[in-house]
Amino acid sequence: GYALAAIVRAAGGVPIDLGIAPDDRDAIRMLFESAASRADLVVTSAGVSVGAHDHSRAIVDELGAVDFWRIVARPGSQLAFGNVRGVPWLGLPGNPVSAIITGELFVRPAVLRMQGARAVHRAPMSASLGAPVARASESTQLLRARLRLEHGRWRATLTGAQSSGRLASIAEADALLVIPPGTGELAAGAAVAALPLVAGAPMLERLTTTLDAGQ
């Protein structure tokens, strides 16, 4: 989709959009063959779960290999990796928010690394919670948030409901808060790790505005 193409483009890659695949196994296989013949990295969204129309993993197994499926993180647990005819493949979840987050955390670094970059991951920042957060889970939680500089410290505020089907939660975010598995309720002011989602605006624009206002 447009968001994944933007992630690839921002990382220096050239996205090739092969469109939306129909729920037809043969048609999906043909798209995989076409993608592997034209691209250095194949990225798909949806089709990696266990539904009746989720054919991607079985097709990749036939054309190459699936090296792993599923990660212990939410959203984004339905992630697969392998190769199609020797071309690396990343199978992202079909849910839009999950696809965007895994695109940022896995596709972006892969595109950068394939171009020879060494530093491919955004450096985490320390931020304090602006309100209590209760996210008990056995998985790492990736919460969408906005950051604001207050008294020399970043303060994180969640972008509303964190449903993986709510696009506004990621559209309004400039950071992901990484909550380790087994974490109980976190009080307001608790320190959390924040992964910035943007290299420039809007977070740095607000930083500049804050600094200018203080002069």
C-alpha atoms as a PDB file:
ATOM      1  CA  GLY A   1       0.000   0.000   0.000  1.00  0.00           C
ATOM      2  CA  TYR A   2       0.907   3.670  -0.021  1.00  0.00           C
ATOM      3  CA  ALA A   3       2.330   3.644   3.507  1.00  0.00           C
ATOM      4  CA  LEU A   4       4.716   0.754   2.832  1.00  0.00           C
ATOM      5  CA  ALA A   5       5.800   2.318  -0.464  1.00  0.00           C
ATOM      6  CA  ALA A   6       6.542   5.536   1.422  1.00  0.00           C
ATOM      7  CA  ILE A   7       8.637   3.631   3.992  1.00  0.00           C
ATOM      8  CA  VAL A   8      10.662   1.984   1.215  1.00  0.00           C
ATOM      9  CA  ARG A   9      11.106   5.268  -0.643  1.00  0.00           C
ATOM     10  CA  ALA A  10      12.185   7.136   2.490  1.00  0.00           C
ATOM     11  CA  ALA A  11      14.845   4.465   3.077  1.00  0.00           C
ATOM     12  CA  GLY A  12      16.253   4.994  -0.408  1.00  0.00           C
ATOM     13  CA  GLY A  13      14.515   2.097  -2.126  1.00  0.00           C
ATOM     14  CA  VAL A  14      12.368   2.091  -5.259  1.00  0.00           C
ATOM     15  CA  PRO A  15       8.979   0.472  -4.580  1.00  0.00           C
ATOM     16  CA  ILE A  16       7.387  -1.655  -7.307  1.00  0.00           C
ATOM     17  CA  ASP A  17       3.639  -1.897  -6.713  1.00  0.00           C
ATOM     18  CA  LEU A  18       2.200  -5.147  -8.052  1.00  0.00           C
ATOM     19  CA  GLY A  19      -1.288  -4.304  -6.863  1.00  0.00           C
ATOM     20  CA  ILE A  20      -3.765  -6.195  -4.705  1.00  0.00           C
ATOM     21  CA  ALA A  21      -3.731  -9.965  -5.141  1.00  0.00           C
ATOM     22  CA  PRO A  22      -7.047 -11.777  -5.508  1.00  0.00           C
ATOM     23  CA  ASP A  23      -7.959 -14.643  -3.170  1.00  0.00           C
ATOM     24  CA  ASP A  24      -6.677 -17.123  -5.734  1.00  0.00           C
ATOM     25  CA  ARG A  25      -3.678 -19.324  -5.037  1.00  0.00           C
ATOM     26  CA  ASP A  26      -2.458 -19.512  -8.636  1.00  0.00           C
ATOM     27  CA  ALA A  27      -2.725 -15.747  -9.091  1.00  0.00           C
ATOM     28  CA  ILE A  28      -0.802 -15.131  -5.870  1.00  0.00           C
ATOM     29  CA  ARG A  29       1.903 -17.577  -6.939  1.00  0.00           C
ATOM     30  CA  MET A  30       2.285 -15.727 -10.253  1.00  0.00           C
ATOM     31  CA  LEU A  31       2.663 -12.433  -8.380  1.00  0.00           C
ATOM     32  CA  PHE A  32       5.380 -13.952  -6.177  1.00  0.00           C
ATOM     33  CA  GLU A  33       7.213 -15.197  -9.280  1.00  0.00           C
ATOM     34  CA  SER A  34       6.934 -11.771 -10.885  1.00  0.00           C
ATOM     35  CA  ALA A  35       8.107  -9.979  -7.748  1.00  0.00           C
ATOM     36  CA  ALA A  36      11.149 -12.240  -7.339  1.00  0.00           C
ATOM     37  CA  SER A  37      12.174 -11.657 -10.956  1.00  0.00           C
ATOM     38  CA  ARG A  38      11.969  -7.870 -10.668  1.00  0.00           C
ATOM     39  CA  ALA A  39      12.964  -6.900  -7.125  1.00  0.00           C
ATOM     40  CA  ASP A  40      15.834  -7.259  -4.662  1.00  0.00           C
ATOM     41  CA  LEU A  41      13.399  -7.629  -1.757  1.00  0.00           C
ATOM     42  CA  VAL A  42       9.855  -8.987  -1.828  1.00  0.00           C
ATOM     43  CA  VAL A  43       7.421  -7.476   0.677  1.00  0.00           C
ATOM     44  CA  THR A  44       3.833  -8.642   1.038  1.00  0.00           C
ATOM     45  CA  SER A  45       1.047  -7.665   3.379  1.00  0.00           C
ATOM     46  CA  ALA A  46      -1.546 -10.224   4.579  1.00  0.00           C
ATOM     47  CA  GLY A  47      -1.802 -13.868   3.652  1.00  0.00           C
ATOM     48  CA  VAL A  48       0.623 -15.170   6.301  1.00  0.00           C
ATOM     49  CA  SER A  49      -1.884 -16.321   8.916  1.00  0.00           C
ATOM     50  CA  VAL A  50      -3.871 -19.576   8.994  1.00  0.00           C
ATOM     51  CA  GLY A  51      -7.092 -18.614   7.236  1.00  0.00           C
ATOM     52  CA  ALA A  52      -8.544 -20.376   4.219  1.00  0.00           C
ATOM     53  CA  HIS A  53      -7.175 -17.679   1.894  1.00  0.00           C
ATOM     54  CA  ASP A  54      -3.799 -17.208   3.581  1.00  0.00           C
ATOM     55  CA  HIS A  55      -1.590 -18.785   0.911  1.00  0.00           C
ATOM     56  CA  SER A  56       1.628 -16.793   1.150  1.00  0.00           C
ATOM     57  CA  ARG A  57       3.655 -19.020   3.471  1.00  0.00           C
ATOM     58  CA  ALA A  58       2.766 -22.200   1.573  1.00  0.00           C
ATOM     59  CA  ILE A  59       3.680 -20.596  -1.755  1.00  0.00           C
ATOM     60  CA  VAL A  60       6.983 -19.252  -0.415  1.00  0.00           C
ATOM     61  CA  ASP A  61       7.771 -22.730   0.917  1.00  0.00           C
ATOM     62  CA  GLU A  62       7.311 -24.053  -2.632  1.00  0.00           C
ATOM     63  CA  LEU A  63       9.346 -21.325  -4.322  1.00  0.00           C
ATOM     64  CA  GLY A  64      12.030 -20.940  -1.672  1.00  0.00           C
ATOM     65  CA  ALA A  65      11.845 -21.254   2.108  1.00  0.00           C
ATOM     66  CA  VAL A  66      10.121 -19.759   5.132  1.00  0.00           C
ATOM     67  CA  ASP A  67      12.777 -19.199   7.797  1.00  0.00           C
ATOM     68  CA  PHE A  68      10.469 -18.029  10.564  1.00  0.00           C
ATOM     69  CA  TRP A  69       6.866 -17.074  11.214  1.00  0.00           C
ATOM     70  CA  ARG A  70       5.564 -14.966  14.112  1.00  0.00           C
ATOM     71  CA  ILE A  71       7.347 -12.669  16.525  1.00  0.00           C
ATOM     72  CA  VAL A  72       6.557 -12.031  20.183  1.00  0.00           C
ATOM     73  CA  ALA A  73       5.320  -8.460  19.715  1.00  0.00           C
ATOM     74  CA  ARG A  74       1.969  -6.729  19.332  1.00  0.00           C
ATOM     75  CA  PRO A  75       0.893  -5.359  17.038  1.00  0.00           C
ATOM     76  CA  GLY A  76       2.813  -7.202  14.347  1.00  0.00           C
ATOM     77  CA  SER A  77       3.039 -10.761  15.654  1.00  0.00           C
ATOM     78  CA  GLN A  78       2.056 -12.266  12.286  1.00  0.00           C
ATOM     79  CA  LEU A  79       5.402 -11.594  10.613  1.00  0.00           C
ATOM     80  CA  ALA A  80       7.175 -14.050   8.319  1.00  0.00           C
ATOM     81  CA  PHE A  81      10.608 -14.089   6.708  1.00  0.00           C
ATOM     82  CA  GLY A  82      12.134 -16.275   4.029  1.00  0.00           C
ATOM     83  CA  ASN A  83      13.115 -16.185   0.375  1.00  0.00           C
ATOM     84  CA  VAL A  84      11.445 -16.534  -3.017  1.00  0.00           C
ATOM     85  CA  ARG A  85      13.797 -17.955  -5.633  1.00  0.00           C
ATOM     86  CA  GLY A  86      16.662 -16.704  -3.480  1.00  0.00           C
ATOM     87  CA  VAL A  87      15.237 -13.184  -3.108  1.00  0.00           C
ATOM     88  CA  PRO A  88      14.603 -12.162   0.532  1.00  0.00           C
ATOM     89  CA  TRP A  89      10.922 -12.020   1.487  1.00  0.00           C
ATOM     90  CA  LEU A  90       9.205 -10.239   4.348  1.00  0.00           C
ATOM     91  CA  GLY A  91       5.577 -11.219   4.889  1.00  0.00           C
ATOM     92  CA  LEU A  92       3.865  -8.529   6.932  1.00  0.00           C
ATOM     93  CA  PRO A  93       0.519  -8.792   8.711  1.00  0.00           C
ATOM     94  CA  GLY A  94      -2.562  -7.660   6.821  1.00  0.00           C
ATOM     95  CA  ASN A  95      -3.839  -5.358   9.519  1.00  0.00           C
ATOM     96  CA  PRO A  96      -2.916  -1.790   8.418  1.00  0.00           C
ATOM     97  CA  VAL A  97      -1.398  -0.639  11.718  1.00  0.00           C
ATOM     98  CA  SER A  98       0.539  -3.890  12.109  1.00  0.00           C
ATOM     99  CA  ALA A  99       1.792  -3.664   8.527  1.00  0.00           C
ATOM    100  CA  ILE A 100       3.025  -0.102   9.002  1.00  0.00           C
ATOM    101  CA  ILE A 101       4.772  -0.894  12.290  1.00  0.00           C
ATOM    102  CA  THR A 102       6.504  -4.006  10.944  1.00  0.00           C
ATOM    103  CA  GLY A 103       7.349  -2.065   7.805  1.00  0.00           C
ATOM    104  CA  GLU A 104       9.096   0.534   9.938  1.00  0.00           C
ATOM    105  CA  LEU A 105      10.850  -2.005  12.189  1.00  0.00           C
ATOM    106  CA  PHE A 106      11.812  -4.634   9.588  1.00  0.00           C
ATOM    107  CA  VAL A 107      11.383  -3.427   5.993  1.00  0.00           C
ATOM    108  CA  ARG A 108      13.084  -0.077   6.518  1.00  0.00           C
ATOM    109  CA  PRO A 109      16.231  -1.596   8.146  1.00  0.00           C
ATOM    110  CA  ALA A 110      16.363  -4.299   5.455  1.00  0.00           C
ATOM    111  CA  VAL A 111      16.294  -1.717   2.649  1.00  0.00           C
ATOM    112  CA  LEU A 112      18.989   0.326   4.376  1.00  0.00           C
ATOM    113  CA  ARG A 113      21.196  -2.715   5.024  1.00  0.00           C
ATOM    114  CA  MET A 114      20.884  -3.848   1.394  1.00  0.00           C
ATOM    115  CA  GLN A 115      22.303  -0.468   0.388  1.00  0.00           C
ATOM    116  CA  GLY A 116      25.310  -0.956   2.646  1.00  0.00           C
ATOM    117  CA  ALA A 117      24.203   1.114   5.637  1.00  0.00           C
ATOM    118  CA  ARG A 118      25.500   0.020   9.029  1.00  0.00           C
ATOM    119  CA  ALA A 119      23.263   2.008  11.364  1.00  0.00           C
ATOM    120  CA  VAL A 120      19.854   0.809  10.212  1.00  0.00           C
ATOM    121  CA  HIS A 121      17.751   1.075  13.378  1.00  0.00           C
ATOM    122  CA  ARG A 122      16.507   4.273  14.947  1.00  0.00           C
ATOM    123  CA  ALA A 123      18.142   4.847  18.328  1.00  0.00           C
ATOM    124  CA  PRO A 124      15.709   4.519  21.260  1.00  0.00           C
ATOM    125  CA  MET A 125      15.072   7.525  23.467  1.00  0.00           C
ATOM    126  CA  SER A 126      14.017   7.745  27.076  1.00  0.00           C
ATOM    127  CA  ALA A 127      10.635   9.320  27.765  1.00  0.00           C
ATOM    128  CA  SER A 128       8.285   9.593  30.710  1.00  0.00           C
ATOM    129  CA  LEU A 129       4.628   8.633  30.512  1.00  0.00           C
ATOM    130  CA  GLY A 130       2.147  11.457  30.606  1.00  0.00           C
ATOM    131  CA  ALA A 131      -0.560   9.154  32.017  1.00  0.00           C
ATOM    132  CA  PRO A 132      -0.743   5.660  33.551  1.00  0.00           C
ATOM    133  CA  VAL A 133      -0.580   2.724  31.150  1.00  0.00           C
ATOM    134  CA  ALA A 134      -1.781  -0.801  31.952  1.00  0.00           C
ATOM    135  CA  ARG A 135      -0.628  -3.276  29.285  1.00  0.00           C
ATOM    136  CA  ALA A 136      -0.025  -6.642  30.952  1.00  0.00           C
ATOM    137  CA  SER A 137       0.974  -9.043  28.185  1.00  0.00           C
ATOM    138  CA  GLU A 138       3.285 -11.937  27.382  1.00  0.00           C
ATOM    139  CA  SER A 139       4.355 -10.044  24.247  1.00  0.00           C
ATOM    140  CA  THR A 140       6.352  -6.887  23.785  1.00  0.00           C
ATOM    141  CA  GLN A 141       3.816  -4.089  23.356  1.00  0.00           C
ATOM    142  CA  LEU A 142       4.442  -1.382  20.763  1.00  0.00           C
ATOM    143  CA  LEU A 143       2.289   1.564  21.762  1.00  0.00           C
ATOM    144  CA  ARG A 144       1.760   4.523  19.467  1.00  0.00           C
ATOM    145  CA  ALA A 145       2.542   7.865  21.102  1.00  0.00           C
ATOM    146  CA  ARG A 146       3.413  11.498  20.581  1.00  0.00           C
ATOM    147  CA  LEU A 147       6.443  13.065  22.243  1.00  0.00           C
ATOM    148  CA  ARG A 148       6.728  16.543  23.681  1.00  0.00           C
ATOM    149  CA  LEU A 149       9.714  18.176  25.311  1.00  0.00           C
ATOM    150  CA  GLU A 150       8.815  19.421  28.795  1.00  0.00           C
ATOM    151  CA  HIS A 151      11.435  20.880  31.140  1.00  0.00           C
ATOM    152  CA  GLY A 152      14.229  19.205  29.217  1.00  0.00           C
ATOM    153  CA  ARG A 153      12.627  15.739  29.207  1.00  0.00           C
ATOM    154  CA  TRP A 154      10.553  13.919  26.609  1.00  0.00           C
ATOM    155  CA  ARG A 155       6.995  13.177  27.720  1.00  0.00           C
ATOM    156  CA  ALA A 156       4.992  10.517  25.878  1.00  0.00           C
ATOM    157  CA  THR A 157       1.233  10.619  25.388  1.00  0.00           C
ATOM    158  CA  LEU A 158      -0.632   7.731  23.760  1.00  0.00           C
ATOM    159  CA  THR A 159      -2.507   8.560  20.567  1.00  0.00           C
ATOM    160  CA  GLY A 160      -5.831   7.387  21.947  1.00  0.00           C
ATOM    161  CA  ALA A 161      -7.163   3.831  21.635  1.00  0.00           C
ATOM    162  CA  GLN A 162      -4.421   1.380  20.677  1.00  0.00           C
ATOM    163  CA  SER A 163      -6.493  -0.982  18.549  1.00  0.00           C
ATOM    164  CA  SER A 164      -4.402  -2.405  15.711  1.00  0.00           C
ATOM    165  CA  GLY A 165      -7.281  -1.589  13.386  1.00  0.00           C
ATOM    166  CA  ARG A 166      -7.277   2.130  14.254  1.00  0.00           C
ATOM    167  CA  LEU A 167      -5.134   3.872  11.656  1.00  0.00           C
ATOM    168  CA  ALA A 168      -5.317   7.177  13.506  1.00  0.00           C
ATOM    169  CA  SER A 169      -3.233   5.651  16.296  1.00  0.00           C
ATOM    170  CA  ILE A 170      -0.221   5.399  13.974  1.00  0.00           C
ATOM    171  CA  ALA A 171      -1.024   8.408  11.762  1.00  0.00           C
ATOM    172  CA  GLU A 172      -0.920  10.689  14.809  1.00  0.00           C
ATOM    173  CA  ALA A 173       2.192   9.080  16.324  1.00  0.00           C
ATOM    174  CA  ASP A 174       5.824  10.087  16.102  1.00  0.00           C
ATOM    175  CA  ALA A 175       7.146   7.305  18.338  1.00  0.00           C
ATOM    176  CA  LEU A 176       6.579   3.732  19.441  1.00  0.00           C
ATOM    177  CA  LEU A 177       6.779   3.018  23.150  1.00  0.00           C
ATOM    178  CA  VAL A 178       8.390  -0.371  23.782  1.00  0.00           C
ATOM    179  CA  ILE A 179       6.763  -2.079  26.777  1.00  0.00           C
ATOM    180  CA  PRO A 180       8.540  -5.348  27.710  1.00  0.00           C
ATOM    181  CA  PRO A 181       6.501  -8.538  28.218  1.00  0.00           C
ATOM    182  CA  GLY A 182       5.193  -9.093  31.723  1.00  0.00           C
ATOM    183  CA  THR A 183       5.059  -5.389  32.521  1.00  0.00           C
ATOM    184  CA  GLY A 184       2.106  -4.498  34.695  1.00  0.00           C
ATOM    185  CA  GLU A 185       0.614  -1.050  35.128  1.00  0.00           C
ATOM    186  CA  LEU A 186       3.026   1.812  34.606  1.00  0.00           C
ATOM    187  CA  ALA A 187       2.374   4.981  36.565  1.00  0.00           C
ATOM    188  CA  ALA A 188       2.391   8.453  35.090  1.00  0.00           C
ATOM    189  CA  GLY A 189       5.972   9.648  34.994  1.00  0.00           C
ATOM    190  CA  ALA A 190       7.421   6.152  34.568  1.00  0.00           C
ATOM    191  CA  ALA A 191      10.397   5.960  32.219  1.00  0.00           C
ATOM    192  CA  VAL A 192       9.880   4.039  28.960  1.00  0.00           C
ATOM    193  CA  ALA A 193      11.911   3.423  25.822  1.00  0.00           C
ATOM    194  CA  ALA A 194      10.617   5.321  22.798  1.00  0.00           C
ATOM    195  CA  LEU A 195      11.523   4.557  19.184  1.00  0.00           C
ATOM    196  CA  PRO A 196      11.108   7.664  17.008  1.00  0.00           C
ATOM    197  CA  LEU A 197       9.105   7.031  13.841  1.00  0.00           C
ATOM    198  CA  VAL A 198      10.263  10.120  11.966  1.00  0.00           C
ATOM    199  CA  ALA A 199      13.683  11.554  11.454  1.00  0.00           C
ATOM    200  CA  GLY A 200      12.479  15.144  11.094  1.00  0.00           C
ATOM    201  CA  ALA A 201       8.943  16.407  11.644  1.00  0.00           C
ATOM    202  CA  PRO A 202       6.805  16.622  13.632  1.00  0.00           C
ATOM    203  CA  MET A 203       8.838  15.762  16.734  1.00  0.00           C
ATOM    204  CA  LEU A 204      11.872  17.866  15.851  1.00  0.00           C
ATOM    205  CA  GLU A 205       9.653  20.710  14.687  1.00  0.00           C
ATOM    206  CA  ARG A 206       8.103  20.807  18.156  1.00  0.00           C
ATOM    207  CA  LEU A 207      11.587  20.659  19.691  1.00  0.00           C
ATOM    208  CA  THR A 208      12.661  23.672  17.621  1.00  0.00           C
ATOM    209  CA  THR A 209       9.500  25.551  18.537  1.00  0.00           C
ATOM    210  CA  THR A 210      10.022  24.799  22.217  1.00  0.00           C
ATOM    211  CA  LEU A 211      13.636  25.973  22.130  1.00  0.00           C
ATOM    212  CA  ASP A 212      12.753  29.125  20.220  1.00  0.00           C
ATOM    213  CA  ALA A 213      10.023  29.929  22.711  1.00  0.00           C
ATOM    214  CA  GLY A 214      12.521  29.629  25.537  1.00  0.00           C
ATOM    215  CA  GLN A 215      14.979  32.118  24.046  1.00  0.00           C
END
